[in-house]
Protein backbone atom coordinates (compact mmCIF):
# COMPACT_ATOMS: atom_id res chain seq x y z
CA MET A 1 -18.30 20.46 22.53
CA THR A 2 -21.58 18.72 23.34
CA VAL A 3 -22.71 15.48 21.77
CA ASP A 4 -25.56 17.31 19.99
CA ALA A 5 -23.16 19.89 18.56
CA LEU A 6 -20.81 17.13 17.38
CA GLY A 7 -23.66 15.27 15.74
CA GLU A 8 -24.79 18.46 14.02
CA LEU A 9 -21.25 19.16 12.82
CA GLU A 10 -20.85 15.59 11.56
CA ASP A 11 -24.17 15.77 9.66
CA HIS A 12 -23.24 19.15 8.19
CA LEU A 13 -19.86 17.84 7.01
CA ALA A 14 -21.47 14.75 5.48
CA GLU A 15 -23.80 17.07 3.56
CA GLN A 16 -21.04 19.48 2.48
CA LEU A 17 -18.25 17.03 1.72
CA GLY A 18 -20.20 13.97 0.61
CA ASP A 19 -17.96 11.29 -0.87
CA LEU A 20 -14.76 13.31 -0.31
CA VAL A 21 -14.55 11.73 3.17
CA ASP A 22 -13.37 8.14 3.74
CA ASP A 23 -13.99 7.92 7.50
CA THR A 24 -15.39 9.99 10.39
CA ARG A 25 -14.88 9.34 14.11
CA LEU A 26 -14.52 11.03 17.50
CA ASP A 27 -11.32 10.80 19.52
CA LYS A 28 -11.07 10.53 23.31
CA SER A 29 -10.91 14.31 23.78
CA GLY A 30 -14.11 14.85 21.82
CA ASP A 31 -12.54 16.21 18.64
CA LEU A 32 -13.93 15.14 15.28
CA ILE A 33 -11.46 13.30 13.02
CA ILE A 34 -12.12 12.85 9.32
CA THR A 35 -9.94 10.84 6.97
CA VAL A 36 -9.89 11.93 3.34
CA PRO A 37 -8.22 10.61 0.18
CA ILE A 38 -4.91 12.29 -0.59
CA ASP A 39 -6.13 13.80 -3.87
CA SER A 40 -9.06 15.60 -2.20
CA ILE A 41 -7.25 17.23 0.76
CA VAL A 42 -7.09 20.67 -0.90
CA ASP A 43 -10.79 20.63 -1.78
CA VAL A 44 -11.80 19.46 1.70
CA LEU A 45 -9.73 22.09 3.52
CA ARG A 46 -10.95 24.83 1.18
CA LEU A 47 -14.58 23.83 1.87
CA LEU A 48 -13.97 23.75 5.63
CA ARG A 49 -12.31 27.19 5.56
CA GLU A 50 -15.00 28.80 3.40
CA ASP A 51 -17.93 27.11 5.15
CA ALA A 52 -20.22 29.94 6.33
CA LYS A 53 -21.68 27.94 9.22
CA TYR A 54 -18.52 26.68 10.97
CA GLN A 55 -15.63 28.74 9.52
CA PHE A 56 -12.55 26.59 10.21
CA ILE A 57 -10.31 29.55 9.43
CA ALA A 58 -7.37 28.66 11.68
CA LEU A 59 -4.86 25.95 10.90
CA THR A 60 -3.23 25.40 14.30
CA ASP A 61 -0.82 22.63 13.33
CA ILE A 62 0.10 19.95 10.81
CA ILE A 63 1.69 16.83 12.25
CA GLY A 64 3.19 13.68 10.82
CA VAL A 65 2.87 10.18 12.25
CA ASP A 66 4.90 7.14 11.18
CA TYR A 67 3.39 3.64 11.11
CA PRO A 68 6.18 1.60 9.45
CA VAL A 69 4.19 -1.65 9.29
CA ARG A 70 1.46 -0.15 7.11
CA GLU A 71 1.65 0.07 3.32
CA LYS A 72 0.89 3.81 3.53
CA ARG A 73 3.12 4.37 6.51
CA PHE A 74 2.59 8.11 7.10
CA ASP A 75 -0.40 10.05 8.39
CA VAL A 76 -0.44 13.79 7.80
CA CYS A 77 -2.91 15.39 10.23
CA TYR A 78 -4.24 18.92 9.88
CA GLN A 79 -5.49 20.47 13.15
CA LEU A 80 -8.24 23.01 12.46
CA LEU A 81 -10.00 25.51 14.71
CA SER A 82 -13.21 27.47 14.26
CA PRO A 83 -12.82 30.46 16.60
CA SER A 84 -16.40 31.64 16.05
CA LYS A 85 -17.87 28.27 17.14
CA ASN A 86 -14.97 27.11 19.34
CA PHE A 87 -14.84 23.78 17.47
CA ARG A 88 -11.70 21.77 16.79
CA MET A 89 -11.28 19.03 14.24
CA ARG A 90 -8.57 16.97 12.62
CA VAL A 91 -8.37 16.15 8.93
CA LYS A 92 -6.10 13.23 8.11
CA VAL A 93 -4.54 11.81 4.93
CA MET A 94 -2.37 8.72 4.50
CA THR A 95 0.65 8.47 2.21
CA ASP A 96 3.95 6.66 1.68
CA GLU A 97 7.53 7.67 0.83
CA ILE A 98 6.75 8.11 -2.87
CA VAL A 99 3.34 9.79 -3.24
CA PRO A 100 3.51 13.54 -2.42
CA VAL A 101 0.72 15.24 -0.49
CA PRO A 102 -0.74 18.32 -2.21
CA SER A 103 0.39 21.49 -0.43
CA VAL A 104 -2.30 23.58 1.28
CA CYS A 105 -0.23 26.79 1.40
CA SER A 106 -2.70 28.43 -0.99
CA ILE A 107 -5.49 27.92 1.57
CA TYR A 108 -3.61 28.42 4.86
CA ALA A 109 -0.49 30.59 4.51
CA GLY A 110 0.87 29.24 7.81
CA ALA A 111 1.09 25.73 6.35
CA GLU A 112 4.38 26.47 4.61
CA TRP A 113 6.66 25.91 7.61
CA TYR A 114 4.59 23.02 8.96
CA GLU A 115 4.92 21.18 5.64
CA ARG A 116 8.66 21.85 5.53
CA GLU A 117 9.00 20.45 9.06
CA ILE A 118 7.14 17.25 8.11
CA TYR A 119 9.36 16.89 5.05
CA ASP A 120 12.48 17.43 7.18
CA MET A 121 11.49 15.04 9.96
CA TYR A 122 9.67 12.28 8.00
CA GLY A 123 10.59 12.69 4.33
CA VAL A 124 6.98 13.26 3.23
CA ARG A 125 7.01 15.51 0.18
CA PHE A 126 4.38 18.15 -0.63
CA SER A 127 3.62 18.91 -4.27
CA ASP A 128 3.30 22.58 -5.34
CA HIS A 129 5.04 23.77 -2.19
CA PRO A 130 6.77 27.12 -2.76
CA ASP A 131 9.98 26.25 -0.84
CA MET A 132 10.39 22.52 -0.18
CA ARG A 133 13.69 22.29 1.69
CA ARG A 134 14.86 21.31 5.16
CA ILE A 135 13.96 23.64 8.00
CA LEU A 136 15.24 22.08 11.26
CA THR A 137 18.24 19.97 10.26
CA ASP A 138 21.35 20.79 8.28
CA TYR A 139 21.12 20.71 4.48
CA GLY A 140 23.54 17.79 4.30
CA PHE A 141 21.68 15.82 6.97
CA ASP A 142 21.26 12.14 6.10
CA GLY A 143 17.87 10.58 6.85
CA TYR A 144 14.69 11.65 8.59
CA PRO A 145 14.97 11.71 12.40
CA LEU A 146 11.33 11.11 13.40
CA ARG A 147 10.90 7.94 11.36
CA LYS A 148 10.68 4.84 13.50
CA ASP A 149 13.52 3.18 11.57
CA PHE A 150 15.99 6.05 12.17
CA PRO A 151 18.79 5.00 14.58
CA VAL A 152 18.64 6.60 18.02
CA THR A 153 22.28 7.69 17.82
CA GLY A 154 21.99 9.08 14.29
CA PHE A 155 24.60 8.55 11.58
CA VAL A 156 27.05 11.41 12.16
CA GLU A 157 27.90 13.83 14.93
CA CYS A 158 28.82 17.47 14.54
CA ARG A 159 31.48 19.25 16.62
CA TYR A 160 33.76 22.26 16.45
CA ASP A 161 37.42 21.37 15.84
CA ASP A 162 39.83 23.84 17.49
CA LYS A 163 42.75 22.81 15.29
CA LEU A 164 40.85 23.19 12.01
CA LYS A 165 38.84 26.18 13.31
CA ARG A 166 35.61 24.89 11.77
CA ILE A 167 32.74 22.51 12.32
CA VAL A 168 33.43 18.90 11.35
CA TYR A 169 31.15 15.91 10.85
CA GLU A 170 32.31 12.51 12.02
CA PRO A 171 30.69 9.08 12.23
CA VAL A 172 29.03 8.45 15.57
CA LEU A 173 31.45 6.87 18.01
CA LEU A 174 29.90 5.48 21.18
CA ARG A 175 32.48 5.88 23.92
CA GLN A 176 30.95 3.19 26.12
CA GLU A 177 29.01 0.04 25.51
CA ILE A 178 25.28 0.15 25.94
CA ARG A 179 24.67 -1.22 29.41
CA ASN A 180 21.73 -2.78 31.14
CA PHE A 181 21.11 -0.97 34.38
CA ASP A 182 19.54 -2.53 37.45
CA PHE A 183 17.37 0.30 38.74
CA LEU A 184 17.11 -0.74 42.37
CA SER A 185 15.84 1.88 44.73
CA PRO A 186 17.75 2.15 48.01
CA TRP A 187 14.44 2.97 49.74
CA GLU A 188 12.81 -0.32 48.80
CA ASP A 189 13.39 -3.78 50.14
CA PHE A 190 15.98 -5.62 48.01
CA ASP A 191 13.84 -8.76 47.61
CA HIS A 192 10.80 -6.86 46.33
CA ALA A 193 12.68 -4.53 44.01
CA ARG A 194 14.54 -7.23 42.12
CA LEU A 195 12.47 -8.77 39.31
CA ASP A 196 14.50 -11.87 38.48
């Protein structure tokens, strides 16, 4: 997308969305990113989809991002595409563990599984979602694996027990201590490879 086209798109969005937008910026790849308040995400996405000039009719992805040091620790980012103009943009909202994000399934039917995945991986809830349950992990899974505070080993491990003839869950048992490895390459000089 050219700089002129981006400027035109940014001006058009400012005219269409007005005060529904908190922030507008360009990322390194040249995509436009707008940040909106959580209570206006449905209105903003509906306007972008129904806009006759740009027609952002394709929701290509919804992703979650965890920033645990922030008060509103989660970003929910909607990746939009306008096939007729070949424009991409990202619409972003910020939330925490308590405040649910309004579901956009009524605007983009494909959002249903994306929202379930974000709930399953981060614990971000979506209000008015038709089927808010886990999609990638087991129903009894404890925690949210993509949060930064989730332990790398997890809490339990799952295995098939031949004696019981069923799947069992057990606390994680690390069979060896975590070790510090000295990654010396045999092709390098010993004095140069060692850092201490």
